[in-house]
Amino acid sequence: MLTPETEEREVEEGSPPVFATWNRLYAAVIGFLAFLIILFYLFTKAYQ
């Protein structure tokens, strides 16, 4: 049986607002992290 509290929790735990699925959001975060690592590596090599 759904109570108002569990209904709110289910709505909050739904899909993320920007991407269609959580897997896409996680992939975007990991991709952005990889981009930053490569960018900082290139900065380190360029200004060493």
PDB file of N, CA and C in Angstrom:
ATOM      1  N   MET A   1       0.848  -1.184   0.000  1.00  0.00           N
ATOM      2  CA  MET A   1       0.000   0.000   0.000  1.00  0.00           C
ATOM      3  C   MET A   1       0.889   1.241   0.000  1.00  0.00           C
ATOM      4  N   LEU A   2       0.573   2.174  -0.861  1.00  0.00           N
ATOM      5  CA  LEU A   2       1.360   3.391  -0.955  1.00  0.00           C
ATOM      6  C   LEU A   2       0.807   4.458  -0.018  1.00  0.00           C
ATOM      7  N   THR A   3       1.676   4.986   0.771  1.00  0.00           N
ATOM      8  CA  THR A   3       1.317   6.114   1.624  1.00  0.00           C
ATOM      9  C   THR A   3       1.822   7.375   0.936  1.00  0.00           C
ATOM     10  N   PRO A   4       1.387   8.534   1.372  1.00  0.00           N
ATOM     11  CA  PRO A   4       1.892   9.772   0.747  1.00  0.00           C
ATOM     12  C   PRO A   4       3.416   9.879   0.794  1.00  0.00           C
ATOM     13  N   GLU A   5       4.025   9.364   1.857  1.00  0.00           N
ATOM     14  CA  GLU A   5       5.485   9.434   1.955  1.00  0.00           C
ATOM     15  C   GLU A   5       6.152   8.574   0.890  1.00  0.00           C
ATOM     16  N   THR A   6       5.662   7.357   0.680  1.00  0.00           N
ATOM     17  CA  THR A   6       6.285   6.486  -0.319  1.00  0.00           C
ATOM     18  C   THR A   6       6.006   6.986  -1.731  1.00  0.00           C
ATOM     19  N   GLU A   7       4.857   7.593  -1.956  1.00  0.00           N
ATOM     20  CA  GLU A   7       4.578   8.159  -3.277  1.00  0.00           C
ATOM     21  C   GLU A   7       5.558   9.282  -3.588  1.00  0.00           C
ATOM     22  N   GLU A   8       5.831  10.150  -2.615  1.00  0.00           N
ATOM     23  CA  GLU A   8       6.784  11.237  -2.825  1.00  0.00           C
ATOM     24  C   GLU A   8       8.171  10.679  -3.087  1.00  0.00           C
ATOM     25  N   ARG A   9       8.548   9.655  -2.353  1.00  0.00           N
ATOM     26  CA  ARG A   9       9.860   9.057  -2.518  1.00  0.00           C
ATOM     27  C   ARG A   9      10.000   8.441  -3.911  1.00  0.00           C
ATOM     28  N   GLU A  10       8.959   7.800  -4.404  1.00  0.00           N
ATOM     29  CA  GLU A  10       9.011   7.206  -5.737  1.00  0.00           C
ATOM     30  C   GLU A  10       9.143   8.276  -6.809  1.00  0.00           C
ATOM     31  N   VAL A  11       8.482   9.399  -6.638  1.00  0.00           N
ATOM     32  CA  VAL A  11       8.593  10.487  -7.606  1.00  0.00           C
ATOM     33  C   VAL A  11      10.005  11.061  -7.571  1.00  0.00           C
ATOM     34  N   GLU A  12      10.565  11.245  -6.378  1.00  0.00           N
ATOM     35  CA  GLU A  12      11.904  11.799  -6.260  1.00  0.00           C
ATOM     36  C   GLU A  12      12.953  10.854  -6.830  1.00  0.00           C
ATOM     37  N   GLU A  13      12.733   9.550  -6.736  1.00  0.00           N
ATOM     38  CA  GLU A  13      13.702   8.577  -7.213  1.00  0.00           C
ATOM     39  C   GLU A  13      13.470   8.205  -8.676  1.00  0.00           C
ATOM     40  N   GLY A  14      12.642   8.943  -9.381  1.00  0.00           N
ATOM     41  CA  GLY A  14      12.357   8.660 -10.791  1.00  0.00           C
ATOM     42  C   GLY A  14      13.553   8.961 -11.662  1.00  0.00           C
ATOM     43  N   SER A  15      13.309   9.166 -12.934  1.00  0.00           N
ATOM     44  CA  SER A  15      14.405   9.432 -13.861  1.00  0.00           C
ATOM     45  C   SER A  15      15.001  10.812 -13.599  1.00  0.00           C
ATOM     46  N   PRO A  16      16.282  10.991 -13.932  1.00  0.00           N
ATOM     47  CA  PRO A  16      16.920  12.285 -13.723  1.00  0.00           C
ATOM     48  C   PRO A  16      16.339  13.327 -14.680  1.00  0.00           C
ATOM     49  N   PRO A  17      16.376  14.601 -14.305  1.00  0.00           N
ATOM     50  CA  PRO A  17      15.740  15.634 -15.129  1.00  0.00           C
ATOM     51  C   PRO A  17      16.441  15.901 -16.457  1.00  0.00           C
ATOM     52  N   VAL A  18      17.756  15.692 -16.548  1.00  0.00           N
ATOM     53  CA  VAL A  18      18.484  16.059 -17.761  1.00  0.00           C
ATOM     54  C   VAL A  18      18.583  14.891 -18.738  1.00  0.00           C
ATOM     55  N   PHE A  19      18.937  13.717 -18.257  1.00  0.00           N
ATOM     56  CA  PHE A  19      19.104  12.541 -19.108  1.00  0.00           C
ATOM     57  C   PHE A  19      17.916  11.614 -18.922  1.00  0.00           C
ATOM     58  N   ALA A  20      17.690  10.754 -19.892  1.00  0.00           N
ATOM     59  CA  ALA A  20      16.522   9.867 -19.843  1.00  0.00           C
ATOM     60  C   ALA A  20      16.669   8.762 -18.799  1.00  0.00           C
ATOM     61  N   THR A  21      17.896   8.296 -18.584  1.00  0.00           N
ATOM     62  CA  THR A  21      18.107   7.214 -17.618  1.00  0.00           C
ATOM     63  C   THR A  21      19.286   7.549 -16.723  1.00  0.00           C
ATOM     64  N   TRP A  22      19.350   6.861 -15.592  1.00  0.00           N
ATOM     65  CA  TRP A  22      20.469   7.056 -14.673  1.00  0.00           C
ATOM     66  C   TRP A  22      21.765   6.565 -15.299  1.00  0.00           C
ATOM     67  N   ASN A  23      21.713   5.508 -16.109  1.00  0.00           N
ATOM     68  CA  ASN A  23      22.931   4.997 -16.748  1.00  0.00           C
ATOM     69  C   ASN A  23      23.561   6.051 -17.650  1.00  0.00           C
ATOM     70  N   ARG A  24      22.741   6.801 -18.363  1.00  0.00           N
ATOM     71  CA  ARG A  24      23.274   7.872 -19.222  1.00  0.00           C
ATOM     72  C   ARG A  24      23.891   8.983 -18.378  1.00  0.00           C
ATOM     73  N   LEU A  25      23.277   9.290 -17.261  1.00  0.00           N
ATOM     74  CA  LEU A  25      23.829  10.308 -16.372  1.00  0.00           C
ATOM     75  C   LEU A  25      25.172   9.858 -15.819  1.00  0.00           C
ATOM     76  N   TYR A  26      25.262   8.603 -15.365  1.00  0.00           N
ATOM     77  CA  TYR A  26      26.526   8.070 -14.854  1.00  0.00           C
ATOM     78  C   TYR A  26      27.591   8.070 -15.944  1.00  0.00           C
ATOM     79  N   ALA A  27      27.228   7.700 -17.162  1.00  0.00           N
ATOM     80  CA  ALA A  27      28.181   7.695 -18.273  1.00  0.00           C
ATOM     81  C   ALA A  27      28.678   9.110 -18.563  1.00  0.00           C
ATOM     82  N   ALA A  28      27.794  10.091 -18.485  1.00  0.00           N
ATOM     83  CA  ALA A  28      28.189  11.479 -18.721  1.00  0.00           C
ATOM     84  C   ALA A  28      29.152  11.960 -17.641  1.00  0.00           C
ATOM     85  N   VAL A  29      28.901  11.596 -16.396  1.00  0.00           N
ATOM     86  CA  VAL A  29      29.785  11.999 -15.298  1.00  0.00           C
ATOM     87  C   VAL A  29      31.161  11.354 -15.463  1.00  0.00           C
ATOM     88  N   ILE A  30      31.195  10.068 -15.790  1.00  0.00           N
ATOM     89  CA  ILE A  30      32.471   9.378 -15.984  1.00  0.00           C
ATOM     90  C   ILE A  30      33.203   9.947 -17.199  1.00  0.00           C
ATOM     91  N   GLY A  31      32.473  10.247 -18.265  1.00  0.00           N
ATOM     92  CA  GLY A  31      33.084  10.858 -19.441  1.00  0.00           C
ATOM     93  C   GLY A  31      33.661  12.228 -19.135  1.00  0.00           C
ATOM     94  N   PHE A  32      32.951  13.016 -18.352  1.00  0.00           N
ATOM     95  CA  PHE A  32      33.443  14.338 -17.971  1.00  0.00           C
ATOM     96  C   PHE A  32      34.687  14.227 -17.096  1.00  0.00           C
ATOM     97  N   LEU A  33      34.693  13.244 -16.197  1.00  0.00           N
ATOM     98  CA  LEU A  33      35.866  13.013 -15.358  1.00  0.00           C
ATOM     99  C   LEU A  33      37.069  12.631 -16.217  1.00  0.00           C
ATOM    100  N   ALA A  34      36.874  11.755 -17.186  1.00  0.00           N
ATOM    101  CA  ALA A  34      37.964  11.367 -18.090  1.00  0.00           C
ATOM    102  C   ALA A  34      38.456  12.579 -18.878  1.00  0.00           C
ATOM    103  N   PHE A  35      37.543  13.421 -19.328  1.00  0.00           N
ATOM    104  CA  PHE A  35      37.912  14.644 -20.044  1.00  0.00           C
ATOM    105  C   PHE A  35      38.778  15.548 -19.170  1.00  0.00           C
ATOM    106  N   LEU A  36      38.394  15.728 -17.914  1.00  0.00           N
ATOM    107  CA  LEU A  36      39.174  16.573 -17.010  1.00  0.00           C
ATOM    108  C   LEU A  36      40.560  15.995 -16.755  1.00  0.00           C
ATOM    109  N   ILE A  37      40.645  14.687 -16.582  1.00  0.00           N
ATOM    110  CA  ILE A  37      41.944  14.055 -16.349  1.00  0.00           C
ATOM    111  C   ILE A  37      42.863  14.278 -17.547  1.00  0.00           C
ATOM    112  N   ILE A  38      42.339  14.085 -18.746  1.00  0.00           N
ATOM    113  CA  ILE A  38      43.142  14.301 -19.956  1.00  0.00           C
ATOM    114  C   ILE A  38      43.530  15.766 -20.088  1.00  0.00           C
ATOM    115  N   LEU A  39      42.601  16.660 -19.814  1.00  0.00           N
ATOM    116  CA  LEU A  39      42.883  18.093 -19.898  1.00  0.00           C
ATOM    117  C   LEU A  39      43.981  18.507 -18.922  1.00  0.00           C
ATOM    118  N   PHE A  40      43.905  18.053 -17.679  1.00  0.00           N
ATOM    119  CA  PHE A  40      44.932  18.390 -16.688  1.00  0.00           C
ATOM    120  C   PHE A  40      46.275  17.758 -17.047  1.00  0.00           C
ATOM    121  N   TYR A  41      46.251  16.573 -17.630  1.00  0.00           N
ATOM    122  CA  TYR A  41      47.488  15.936 -18.087  1.00  0.00           C
ATOM    123  C   TYR A  41      48.142  16.786 -19.173  1.00  0.00           C
ATOM    124  N   LEU A  42      47.338  17.252 -20.124  1.00  0.00           N
ATOM    125  CA  LEU A  42      47.882  18.080 -21.205  1.00  0.00           C
ATOM    126  C   LEU A  42      48.412  19.410 -20.680  1.00  0.00           C
ATOM    127  N   PHE A  43      47.721  20.018 -19.726  1.00  0.00           N
ATOM    128  CA  PHE A  43      48.218  21.255 -19.115  1.00  0.00           C
ATOM    129  C   PHE A  43      49.549  21.006 -18.416  1.00  0.00           C
ATOM    130  N   THR A  44      49.660  19.887 -17.727  1.00  0.00           N
ATOM    131  CA  THR A  44      50.896  19.561 -17.025  1.00  0.00           C
ATOM    132  C   THR A  44      52.043  19.400 -18.011  1.00  0.00           C
ATOM    133  N   LYS A  45      51.806  18.708 -19.113  1.00  0.00           N
ATOM    134  CA  LYS A  45      52.853  18.517 -20.120  1.00  0.00           C
ATOM    135  C   LYS A  45      53.213  19.831 -20.804  1.00  0.00           C
ATOM    136  N   ALA A  46      52.238  20.676 -21.058  1.00  0.00           N
ATOM    137  CA  ALA A  46      52.483  21.926 -21.775  1.00  0.00           C
ATOM    138  C   ALA A  46      53.255  22.936 -20.926  1.00  0.00           C
ATOM    139  N   TYR A  47      52.993  22.995 -19.635  1.00  0.00           N
ATOM    140  CA  TYR A  47      53.597  24.018 -18.781  1.00  0.00           C
ATOM    141  C   TYR A  47      54.620  23.452 -17.812  1.00  0.00           C
ATOM    142  N   GLN A  48      55.223  22.333 -18.165  1.00  0.00           N
ATOM    143  CA  GLN A  48      56.207  21.709 -17.289  1.00  0.00           C
ATOM    144  C   GLN A  48      57.552  22.349 -17.481  1.00  0.00           C
TER     145      GLN A  48
END
